[in-house]
Protein backbone atom coordinates (compact mmCIF):
# COMPACT_ATOMS: atom_id res chain seq x y z
CA MET A 1 18.02 -111.59 45.02
CA ARG A 2 16.51 -111.46 41.30
CA PHE A 3 13.25 -111.90 42.71
CA ARG A 4 13.78 -108.73 45.61
CA TRP A 5 15.09 -106.30 42.76
CA LEU A 6 11.80 -107.48 40.21
CA PHE A 7 9.61 -106.26 43.39
CA VAL A 8 11.69 -102.87 44.22
CA VAL A 9 10.99 -102.09 40.35
CA LEU A 10 7.70 -103.17 39.85
CA LEU A 11 6.99 -101.28 43.42
CA ALA A 12 8.96 -98.05 41.96
CA ALA A 13 6.87 -98.39 38.80
CA GLY A 14 3.79 -98.21 40.89
CA CYS A 15 4.70 -95.39 42.63
CA THR A 16 5.44 -93.29 39.41
CA PRO A 17 3.31 -89.96 40.23
CA PRO A 18 0.68 -88.86 37.37
CA PRO A 19 2.11 -86.35 35.23
CA GLU A 20 0.76 -82.62 35.69
CA ILE A 21 -0.87 -81.08 32.65
CA ARG A 22 -2.11 -77.49 32.72
CA ILE A 23 -4.37 -76.70 29.34
CA GLY A 24 -5.06 -73.43 28.63
CA SER A 25 -7.70 -71.33 27.35
CA LYS A 26 -8.76 -67.69 25.93
CA GLN A 27 -11.08 -65.04 27.44
CA GLN A 28 -14.12 -66.51 25.53
CA PRO A 29 -16.41 -69.31 26.60
CA GLU A 30 -16.10 -71.31 23.43
CA SER A 31 -12.49 -71.37 24.19
CA GLU A 32 -12.90 -72.47 27.52
CA ILE A 33 -15.27 -74.98 26.96
CA LEU A 34 -13.05 -76.77 24.67
CA GLY A 35 -10.41 -76.10 27.42
CA GLU A 36 -12.57 -77.86 30.08
CA MET A 37 -13.13 -80.85 27.43
CA ALA A 38 -9.18 -81.48 27.18
CA THR A 39 -9.06 -80.87 31.05
CA LEU A 40 -11.91 -83.68 31.88
CA LEU A 41 -10.14 -86.07 28.80
CA ALA A 42 -6.58 -85.47 30.40
CA ASP A 43 -7.89 -86.34 33.99
CA SER A 44 -9.76 -89.68 32.53
CA THR A 45 -5.81 -90.79 32.07
CA GLY A 46 -5.20 -90.73 35.16
CA ALA A 47 -3.42 -87.55 34.89
CA ARG A 48 -3.42 -84.56 37.30
CA ALA A 49 -4.56 -81.94 35.07
CA GLU A 50 -5.44 -77.99 35.33
CA HIS A 51 -7.01 -75.50 33.50
CA ARG A 52 -5.70 -72.15 33.33
CA ARG A 53 -8.95 -70.38 32.07
CA SER A 54 -9.30 -66.86 30.54
CA LEU A 55 -6.03 -65.95 29.69
CA GLY A 56 -6.44 -63.14 27.70
CA GLY A 57 -6.06 -63.80 23.54
CA THR A 58 -3.55 -65.36 21.47
CA ARG A 59 -0.07 -63.76 21.97
CA VAL A 60 -0.66 -64.24 26.08
CA LEU A 61 -1.52 -68.24 25.31
CA TRP A 62 1.22 -68.72 22.85
CA ASN A 63 3.83 -67.42 24.80
CA ALA A 64 3.05 -69.57 27.63
CA LEU A 65 2.85 -72.34 25.52
CA VAL A 66 6.60 -71.59 24.25
CA LYS A 67 7.62 -71.37 27.94
CA GLY A 68 6.17 -74.13 29.38
CA ASP A 69 3.64 -72.81 31.47
CA ILE A 70 0.69 -74.46 29.69
CA ASP A 71 1.06 -77.74 27.78
CA ALA A 72 -1.77 -77.04 24.95
CA TYR A 73 -4.62 -75.23 24.50
CA PRO A 74 -7.33 -74.56 21.94
CA GLU A 75 -6.65 -72.33 18.43
CA TYR A 76 -7.84 -71.73 15.08
CA THR A 77 -6.26 -72.34 12.07
CA GLY A 78 -6.51 -68.82 10.74
CA THR A 79 -5.23 -67.60 13.84
CA ILE A 80 -2.23 -69.70 13.67
CA SER A 81 -1.68 -68.34 10.26
CA ALA A 82 -1.75 -64.68 10.58
CA GLU A 83 -0.54 -64.18 14.41
CA ILE A 84 1.62 -66.98 14.98
CA LEU A 85 2.87 -67.66 11.64
CA VAL A 86 2.75 -64.50 10.14
CA GLY A 87 4.96 -64.06 7.22
CA SER A 88 4.96 -67.54 6.42
CA GLY A 89 1.75 -67.54 3.80
CA VAL A 90 1.22 -71.18 5.15
CA ARG A 91 -2.85 -71.83 5.13
CA THR A 92 -3.78 -75.55 4.67
CA VAL A 93 -3.97 -77.88 8.04
CA GLU A 94 -0.92 -80.05 6.83
CA ALA A 95 1.04 -76.80 6.22
CA ILE A 96 0.37 -75.70 9.50
CA ARG A 97 0.90 -78.74 10.83
CA THR A 98 4.74 -79.01 9.27
CA ALA A 99 5.53 -75.24 10.44
CA LEU A 100 4.37 -75.35 13.98
CA ALA A 101 6.32 -79.17 14.42
CA GLU A 102 9.64 -76.87 13.50
CA ARG A 103 8.86 -74.84 16.48
CA GLY A 104 8.35 -77.93 18.80
CA MET A 105 4.75 -78.30 18.73
CA GLY A 106 2.23 -80.24 17.72
CA MET A 107 -1.49 -79.90 15.90
CA SER A 108 -4.38 -81.86 16.22
CA LEU A 109 -6.53 -81.91 13.00
CA PRO A 110 -9.43 -79.80 13.30
CA LEU A 111 -12.23 -80.67 15.85
CA GLY A 112 -15.12 -80.06 12.99
CA PHE A 113 -16.26 -76.63 13.47
CA ASN A 114 -15.02 -73.45 11.45
CA ASP A 115 -15.76 -70.57 13.84
CA THR A 116 -14.28 -67.93 11.32
CA TYR A 117 -14.77 -63.86 11.85
CA ALA A 118 -16.94 -62.12 10.41
CA ILE A 119 -18.48 -58.24 10.11
CA GLY A 120 -22.21 -57.87 11.85
CA MET A 121 -24.91 -54.77 12.20
CA ARG A 122 -28.28 -54.78 13.26
CA LYS A 123 -30.62 -56.12 10.48
CA ASP A 124 -32.71 -52.96 10.92
CA LEU A 125 -29.75 -50.58 10.29
CA ALA A 126 -28.37 -52.76 7.82
CA ALA A 127 -32.11 -52.79 5.91
CA ARG A 128 -32.35 -49.12 5.62
CA LEU A 129 -28.74 -49.10 4.82
CA GLY A 130 -29.03 -51.16 2.08
CA VAL A 131 -25.67 -53.19 3.30
CA THR A 132 -25.32 -56.87 2.55
CA ARG A 133 -22.09 -57.19 2.06
CA ILE A 134 -18.62 -55.59 3.58
CA SER A 135 -18.19 -53.73 0.20
CA ASP A 136 -21.25 -51.88 0.96
CA LEU A 137 -19.57 -50.16 3.86
CA GLN A 138 -17.69 -48.11 1.37
CA ALA A 139 -20.52 -45.72 0.96
CA HIS A 140 -20.86 -45.15 4.24
CA PRO A 141 -17.91 -43.51 5.81
CA GLU A 142 -20.34 -41.78 8.73
CA LEU A 143 -20.90 -45.46 10.29
CA LYS A 144 -19.48 -46.08 13.90
CA PHE A 145 -17.36 -49.25 14.50
CA GLY A 146 -16.67 -50.80 17.59
CA PHE A 147 -14.05 -54.18 17.32
CA SER A 148 -12.65 -56.80 19.84
CA SER A 149 -9.07 -55.21 20.88
CA GLU A 150 -7.56 -58.03 19.65
CA PHE A 151 -9.21 -57.64 16.15
CA MET A 152 -8.04 -54.00 16.26
CA ASN A 153 -4.76 -55.30 15.95
CA ARG A 154 -4.20 -58.55 14.73
CA ALA A 155 -3.02 -59.17 11.17
CA ASP A 156 -6.17 -60.80 9.88
CA GLY A 157 -7.99 -58.24 11.81
CA TRP A 158 -8.89 -54.50 11.12
CA PRO A 159 -5.66 -53.25 9.63
CA GLY A 160 -5.90 -55.58 6.52
CA LEU A 161 -9.96 -55.84 5.96
CA ARG A 162 -9.97 -51.74 6.07
CA GLN A 163 -7.16 -52.21 3.19
CA ARG A 164 -8.55 -54.96 1.34
CA TYR A 165 -12.12 -53.15 1.29
CA GLN A 166 -10.89 -49.60 1.09
CA LEU A 167 -13.34 -48.84 3.86
CA PRO A 168 -13.59 -44.94 4.88
CA GLN A 169 -14.36 -44.92 8.61
CA GLN A 170 -12.51 -42.63 10.95
CA ASP A 171 -14.69 -43.26 14.34
CA VAL A 172 -13.07 -46.82 14.81
CA ARG A 173 -12.67 -48.19 18.65
CA GLY A 174 -11.15 -50.98 19.97
CA LEU A 175 -13.03 -52.50 23.35
CA ASN A 176 -13.96 -56.09 24.88
CA HIS A 177 -16.08 -58.11 22.36
CA ASP A 178 -19.25 -58.45 24.62
CA LEU A 179 -19.50 -55.18 25.16
CA ALA A 180 -19.56 -54.25 21.62
CA TYR A 181 -23.06 -56.35 21.68
CA ALA A 182 -24.04 -53.99 24.17
CA GLY A 183 -22.93 -50.93 22.16
CA LEU A 184 -24.39 -52.12 18.74
CA ILE A 185 -27.72 -52.95 20.44
CA SER A 186 -27.98 -49.45 22.48
CA GLY A 187 -26.93 -47.60 18.66
CA THR A 188 -23.83 -46.42 19.90
CA LEU A 189 -21.97 -48.95 17.42
CA ASP A 190 -23.17 -49.66 14.03
CA ALA A 191 -20.98 -52.45 13.51
CA THR A 192 -18.37 -54.90 15.19
CA ASP A 193 -16.49 -58.49 14.31
CA LEU A 194 -18.45 -61.64 15.08
CA TYR A 195 -17.61 -65.40 15.53
CA SER A 196 -19.78 -67.08 13.59
CA THR A 197 -20.32 -69.58 16.53
CA ASP A 198 -21.85 -66.97 18.29
CA PRO A 199 -24.90 -67.33 19.63
CA LYS A 200 -25.66 -63.57 19.83
CA ILE A 201 -26.28 -63.35 16.33
CA CYS A 202 -29.39 -65.20 16.84
CA ARG A 203 -30.12 -63.53 20.00
CA TYR A 204 -29.63 -60.13 18.83
CA ASP A 205 -31.05 -60.54 15.46
CA LEU A 206 -28.16 -59.43 13.92
CA ARG A 207 -27.27 -59.50 10.05
CA VAL A 208 -23.74 -61.29 9.14
CA LEU A 209 -22.18 -59.51 6.04
CA ALA A 210 -20.96 -61.57 3.09
CA ASP A 211 -16.82 -61.35 3.04
CA ASP A 212 -17.50 -60.74 -0.86
CA ARG A 213 -13.91 -60.61 -1.28
CA GLY A 214 -12.77 -63.39 0.55
CA TYR A 215 -10.44 -61.62 2.98
CA PHE A 216 -10.65 -64.39 5.95
CA PRO A 217 -9.09 -67.06 5.77
CA ALA A 218 -11.05 -71.05 7.58
CA TYR A 219 -10.99 -70.55 11.35
CA GLN A 220 -10.81 -74.61 11.61
CA ALA A 221 -10.66 -75.08 15.53
CA VAL A 222 -8.02 -77.42 16.86
CA PHE A 223 -5.48 -78.08 19.76
CA VAL A 224 -2.28 -76.75 19.88
CA TYR A 225 0.37 -78.56 22.10
CA ARG A 226 4.12 -78.95 23.16
CA ALA A 227 5.51 -81.70 21.27
CA ASP A 228 7.29 -82.85 24.60
CA LEU A 229 3.75 -84.00 25.57
CA ARG A 230 3.75 -86.76 23.43
CA GLN A 231 6.83 -88.05 25.60
CA ARG A 232 5.33 -86.96 28.94
CA ALA A 233 1.82 -87.80 28.79
CA PRO A 234 1.20 -90.15 25.50
CA ALA A 235 -2.18 -91.05 26.71
CA VAL A 236 -3.31 -87.60 27.22
CA VAL A 237 -2.10 -86.66 23.75
CA ALA A 238 -4.16 -89.65 22.43
CA ALA A 239 -7.41 -88.65 24.44
CA ILE A 240 -7.16 -85.22 23.53
CA LEU A 241 -7.16 -86.02 20.15
CA ARG A 242 -10.36 -87.85 20.33
CA LEU A 243 -12.16 -84.83 19.53
CA GLU A 244 -10.76 -84.59 16.19
CA ASN A 245 -13.75 -84.52 13.70
CA CYS A 246 -16.17 -84.65 16.73
CA ILE A 247 -17.43 -81.37 16.96
CA SER A 248 -20.27 -79.82 14.58
CA GLU A 249 -20.60 -75.97 14.35
CA ALA A 250 -24.17 -76.96 15.32
CA ALA A 251 -23.02 -78.44 18.37
CA MET A 252 -20.40 -75.65 19.35
CA ILE A 253 -23.02 -73.12 18.96
CA ASP A 254 -25.29 -74.86 21.19
CA MET A 255 -22.85 -75.32 23.87
CA ASN A 256 -22.11 -71.49 23.79
CA ALA A 257 -25.70 -70.98 24.48
CA ARG A 258 -25.84 -72.92 27.13
CA VAL A 259 -23.39 -71.11 28.75
CA GLU A 260 -23.89 -67.68 27.58
CA GLU A 261 -27.57 -67.75 28.06
CA ASP A 262 -28.38 -70.48 29.99
CA LYS A 263 -25.25 -69.76 32.53
CA GLN A 264 -24.45 -73.08 33.09
CA PRO A 265 -21.18 -74.14 33.85
CA GLU A 266 -18.52 -74.61 31.21
CA SER A 267 -17.40 -78.06 33.00
CA GLN A 268 -20.43 -79.44 33.15
CA VAL A 269 -21.34 -78.34 29.25
CA ALA A 270 -17.97 -79.70 28.46
CA ALA A 271 -18.89 -83.28 30.58
CA ASP A 272 -22.10 -83.34 28.68
CA PHE A 273 -20.83 -83.56 25.35
CA LEU A 274 -18.07 -85.95 26.01
CA SER A 275 -20.80 -88.45 27.66
CA ARG A 276 -23.37 -87.87 24.51
CA GLU A 277 -20.56 -88.08 21.41
CA LEU A 278 -17.39 -90.40 23.01
CA ASN A 279 -19.63 -92.22 25.67
CA LEU A 280 -17.53 -91.00 28.42
CA SER A 281 -18.70 -90.77 31.76
CA LEU A 282 -16.99 -87.77 33.68
CA GLN A 283 -17.35 -85.93 36.78
CA PRO A 284 -17.91 -82.07 35.90
CA ARG A 285 -15.43 -79.92 38.08
CA LEU A 286 -18.34 -78.07 39.91
CA GLU A 287 -17.25 -75.45 42.81
CA SER A 288 -20.06 -73.43 45.05
CA ARG A 289 -20.02 -69.90 44.90
CA LEU A 290 -18.82 -69.94 48.20
CA GLY A 291 -15.65 -72.31 48.17
CA GLU A 292 -15.28 -70.13 44.80
CA LEU A 293 -15.22 -66.98 46.88
CA GLY A 294 -12.99 -68.27 48.98
CA ARG A 295 -10.60 -69.83 46.91
CA HIS A 296 -10.30 -66.68 45.17
CA THR A 297 -10.00 -64.38 48.37
CA ARG A 298 -6.91 -66.70 49.56
CA GLU A 299 -5.50 -66.35 46.00
CA HIS A 300 -6.12 -62.21 45.82
CA ILE A 301 -4.47 -61.54 49.74
CA TYR A 302 -1.37 -63.87 48.31
CA LEU A 303 -0.89 -61.42 45.64
CA VAL A 304 -1.35 -58.36 47.58
CA SER A 305 0.54 -59.80 50.91
CA VAL A 306 3.74 -60.84 48.99
CA SER A 307 3.98 -58.24 46.60
CA LEU A 308 3.29 -55.39 49.43
CA ALA A 309 5.98 -57.17 51.65
CA ALA A 310 8.98 -57.10 48.92
CA ALA A 311 8.07 -53.65 48.29
CA ILE A 312 8.43 -52.00 51.96
CA VAL A 313 11.74 -54.24 52.31
CA LEU A 314 13.12 -52.11 48.91
CA ALA A 315 11.08 -48.88 48.92
CA VAL A 316 11.69 -47.84 52.83
CA PRO A 317 15.85 -48.20 52.74
CA PHE A 318 15.31 -46.35 48.88
CA GLY A 319 13.33 -43.25 50.67
CA ILE A 320 15.96 -43.37 53.55
CA LEU A 321 18.44 -43.13 50.88
CA ALA A 322 16.70 -40.51 49.16
CA ALA A 323 16.49 -38.53 51.87
CA ARG A 324 19.78 -38.94 52.95
CA TRP A 325 21.38 -37.98 49.55
CA PRO A 326 18.73 -35.75 47.74
CA ILE A 327 19.96 -35.47 44.34
CA ALA A 328 20.67 -39.84 43.72
CA GLY A 329 17.26 -40.23 45.80
CA GLN A 330 15.36 -37.57 43.56
CA GLY A 331 16.59 -40.05 40.80
CA MET A 332 15.16 -43.14 42.27
CA LEU A 333 12.23 -41.84 43.04
CA ALA A 334 11.59 -40.36 39.51
CA ALA A 335 12.27 -43.91 37.97
CA ALA A 336 9.31 -45.27 40.47
CA GLY A 337 7.03 -42.33 38.99
CA ILE A 338 7.67 -43.26 35.63
CA ILE A 339 6.79 -47.08 36.37
CA GLN A 340 3.89 -45.80 38.13
CA THR A 341 2.38 -44.38 34.75
CA ILE A 342 3.28 -47.44 32.64
CA PRO A 343 -0.37 -49.06 32.64
CA SER A 344 -0.94 -51.79 34.23
CA LEU A 345 -2.38 -53.88 32.03
CA ALA A 346 0.37 -53.40 29.84
CA LEU A 347 3.24 -53.76 32.19
CA LEU A 348 1.53 -57.68 32.91
CA VAL A 349 1.80 -58.50 29.36
CA PHE A 350 5.15 -57.41 29.29
CA MET A 351 6.54 -59.43 32.17
CA ILE A 352 4.74 -62.48 30.51
CA PRO A 353 8.18 -63.40 28.57
CA PHE A 354 10.54 -63.18 31.19
CA LEU A 355 8.36 -64.15 34.25
CA GLY A 356 5.52 -66.90 32.59
CA ILE A 357 1.66 -66.30 33.26
CA GLY A 358 0.21 -66.85 36.55
CA THR A 359 1.29 -65.46 40.05
CA LYS A 360 4.82 -64.48 39.41
CA PRO A 361 4.36 -61.36 36.79
CA ALA A 362 1.83 -60.50 39.05
CA ILE A 363 3.06 -60.40 41.87
CA ALA A 364 6.21 -58.92 40.27
CA ALA A 365 3.87 -56.01 38.78
CA LEU A 366 2.21 -55.28 42.09
CA PHE A 367 5.89 -54.83 43.56
CA LEU A 368 6.91 -52.10 40.86
CA TYR A 369 3.91 -50.31 41.70
CA SER A 370 3.80 -50.10 45.46
CA LEU A 371 7.60 -48.94 45.34
CA LEU A 372 6.29 -45.15 44.68
CA PRO A 373 4.02 -44.40 47.60
CA ILE A 374 6.15 -46.10 50.08
CA ALA A 375 9.25 -44.55 49.03
CA GLN A 376 8.10 -41.36 48.53
CA ASN A 377 6.24 -41.29 51.86
CA THR A 378 9.73 -42.58 53.57
CA TYR A 379 11.29 -39.42 51.75
CA THR A 380 8.72 -36.98 53.06
CA GLY A 381 8.36 -38.22 56.55
CA LEU A 382 12.37 -38.11 57.25
CA GLN A 383 12.64 -34.83 55.14
CA GLY A 384 10.02 -33.19 57.38
CA ILE A 385 11.86 -34.08 60.55
CA PRO A 386 12.28 -30.47 62.43
CA GLY A 387 16.35 -29.32 62.16
CA GLN A 388 16.33 -28.97 65.88
CA ILE A 389 15.54 -32.35 66.78
CA ARG A 390 18.00 -33.63 64.79
CA GLU A 391 20.44 -31.77 65.74
CA SER A 392 19.51 -32.45 69.34
CA ALA A 393 20.16 -36.06 68.87
CA ALA A 394 23.58 -35.39 67.08
CA ALA A 395 24.38 -33.26 70.00
CA LEU A 396 23.46 -36.51 72.61
CA GLY A 397 26.30 -38.14 70.81
CA LEU A 398 24.04 -40.90 69.01
CA PRO A 399 25.68 -42.23 66.13
CA VAL A 400 24.06 -42.15 62.64
CA GLY A 401 22.49 -45.66 62.98
CA ALA A 402 20.79 -45.00 66.35
CA ARG A 403 19.63 -41.47 65.44
CA LEU A 404 17.79 -43.07 62.39
CA ARG A 405 16.31 -46.42 64.34
CA LEU A 406 15.17 -44.14 67.51
CA VAL A 407 14.78 -40.40 66.74
CA GLU A 408 13.87 -40.34 62.90
CA LEU A 409 12.01 -43.28 61.47
CA PRO A 410 9.76 -43.48 64.66
CA LEU A 411 8.97 -39.63 64.00
CA ALA A 412 8.50 -40.32 60.35
CA ALA A 413 6.70 -43.24 61.31
CA SER A 414 3.11 -42.23 60.63
CA THR A 415 3.91 -41.03 57.13
CA ILE A 416 5.68 -44.30 56.16
CA LEU A 417 2.62 -46.23 57.23
CA ALA A 418 0.29 -43.91 55.47
CA GLY A 419 2.35 -44.91 51.97
CA ILE A 420 2.13 -48.38 52.63
CA LYS A 421 -1.40 -48.02 53.20
CA THR A 422 -1.95 -46.47 50.01
CA ALA A 423 0.08 -49.23 48.04
CA ALA A 424 -1.67 -51.81 49.73
CA VAL A 425 -5.23 -50.28 48.88
CA ILE A 426 -3.71 -49.90 45.37
CA ASN A 427 -2.37 -53.75 45.20
CA VAL A 428 -5.98 -54.90 46.16
CA GLY A 429 -7.46 -53.02 43.30
CA THR A 430 -4.81 -53.71 40.65
CA ALA A 431 -4.68 -57.56 41.77
CA THR A 432 -8.04 -58.36 39.67
CA LEU A 433 -6.30 -57.34 36.51
CA GLY A 434 -4.15 -60.66 37.55
CA GLY A 435 -7.10 -62.90 36.29
CA PHE A 436 -5.97 -62.05 32.92
CA ILE A 437 -2.68 -63.91 33.33
CA GLY A 438 -3.96 -66.78 34.96
CA ALA A 439 -3.28 -65.49 38.77
CA GLY A 440 -6.42 -65.87 40.12
CA GLY A 441 -7.83 -63.97 42.91
CA TYR A 442 -11.25 -61.65 42.10
CA GLY A 443 -10.18 -60.60 38.68
CA GLN A 444 -10.92 -63.89 37.55
CA VAL A 445 -14.45 -63.88 38.26
CA ILE A 446 -14.81 -60.49 36.77
CA PHE A 447 -12.89 -61.53 33.54
CA ASP A 448 -15.43 -64.74 33.80
CA GLY A 449 -18.25 -62.61 34.25
CA ILE A 450 -17.56 -60.34 30.99
CA PRO A 451 -17.87 -62.71 28.24
CA ARG A 452 -21.19 -64.07 29.43
CA GLY A 453 -22.80 -61.09 30.29
CA ASP A 454 -22.94 -62.04 34.34
CA TYR A 455 -22.39 -58.51 35.42
CA VAL A 456 -24.56 -59.10 38.69
CA GLY A 457 -22.38 -61.94 39.48
CA LEU A 458 -19.35 -60.33 38.34
CA ILE A 459 -20.29 -57.17 40.94
CA VAL A 460 -21.48 -59.57 43.55
CA TRP A 461 -18.76 -61.91 43.64
CA GLY A 462 -15.77 -60.06 42.26
CA ALA A 463 -15.86 -56.30 42.29
CA PHE A 464 -17.88 -55.99 46.25
CA PRO A 465 -15.53 -58.21 47.71
CA ALA A 466 -12.64 -56.59 46.50
CA ALA A 467 -14.10 -53.30 47.43
CA LEU A 468 -14.41 -54.89 51.27
CA LEU A 469 -11.23 -56.39 50.83
CA ALA A 470 -9.56 -52.57 50.22
CA LEU A 471 -11.99 -51.58 53.38
CA MET A 472 -10.68 -54.15 55.76
CA VAL A 473 -7.19 -53.42 54.91
CA LEU A 474 -7.63 -49.86 55.69
CA GLY A 475 -8.85 -50.65 59.31
CA LEU A 476 -5.80 -53.09 59.56
CA PHE A 477 -3.58 -50.34 58.67
CA GLU A 478 -5.61 -48.35 61.23
CA VAL A 479 -5.18 -50.58 63.94
CA ALA A 480 -1.10 -50.83 63.32
CA GLU A 481 -0.74 -47.08 63.33
CA ARG A 482 -2.23 -47.30 66.79
CA LEU A 483 0.65 -50.29 67.88
CA VAL A 484 2.96 -49.00 65.98
CA VAL A 485 3.30 -45.15 66.40
CA PRO A 486 3.29 -43.11 69.52
CA LYS A 487 0.08 -41.55 70.40
CA GLY A 488 1.44 -38.23 70.23
CA LEU A 489 3.07 -38.66 66.78
CA ARG A 490 0.12 -40.01 64.42
CA LEU A 491 -1.42 -37.91 62.13
CA THR A 492 -4.99 -38.67 63.01
CA MET A 493 -6.53 -36.89 65.35
CA GLU A 494 -7.57 -39.08 68.55
């Protein structure tokens, strides 16, 4: 009997499922390369690892880590001090690790390179103006600055830099980091924020201005992870920690260049580094363009269809109630209209603390944006029914529910379908922003392509399929209208 129980225990131990690990990364090639390294290392331990890439900036990733949507992600000590531990005054690696431990998080030792912020200009412009230090910018208030959107608002970004150096420039705008380089080259911008490991500094022959007042702290690359990961998957943590003191600044610049300039996949670059430095033979996670397109199409259709279906279930009754009780109905329509004015990206980020990252906040945002056109068209369609028809239906003795089902909704069907069609097309376009928070879809291709300067790829494999899907949606609703709406009641002319 004892041997039988021992056999059962051993069998159960052998059937224990491997841990599921989610690695996050920011919307920049360097972070994605490091994320791929961690993902491949986690795979090597037998874990089921997923890389949730291009998840926006620090706050998005930190909130995802706290909520448990990801287990680890690459970060920088200066960013942790200024953005996550803001106001604590901690700067050293050990002090940061202690402060994170109090918040239920672990942190690796530095990976070996310092990717500090810097301010850069074209060399010809800097030479003509005699600018070599950040303090030299004080004498040129006419210069136009363009900084990454995150740098514009960070505690260690533009506000503090302007105060430390008393910079007088007023023409300062926030934009995508990689688009700022294009602005420098074209002359529409005169200075921008740089990362010291960015290969574009050499490619565009930029001058890095000396931080003569020591504003920027050290930005040692590290991995931040949930403390419970040590209990759930100790082998994974041990594997990721093998990267400590392993990546030099020159090696990181070279890997960034292979991704940004040579257009090599991050997974291939990461696997090559791990093979060379850690003697690990790991299979990179590569996917064909067609396979990637199919996956993103399925993800995009899922986001649109689920959010649209939920909106129809709620918005059509809202529209009916608005038509029955106009005063209360106008309040409901006004509330839906207010939601419609909120910028879509802001709404997505707002939902992260409540719903995490991924498909849930994206579906919720798309659902909210779908309410107004469907409810408004339902209300308009019902209000537009002539009074004589309503009176005739009542004279026939039809109860209220039967009048709505048999007379009013069929008469308003064409207008209601037009509202649903409008919401569907809006959703197809807005769903691309889901790539910012790891919801997938065509937006993932677009957000991946911008940092790499792969504008042809993001148009061909991201923007164009989204436009094609919108056209297909329009065609499907034309067919639906012919099937659902009687021929004599259609808005379109035969």
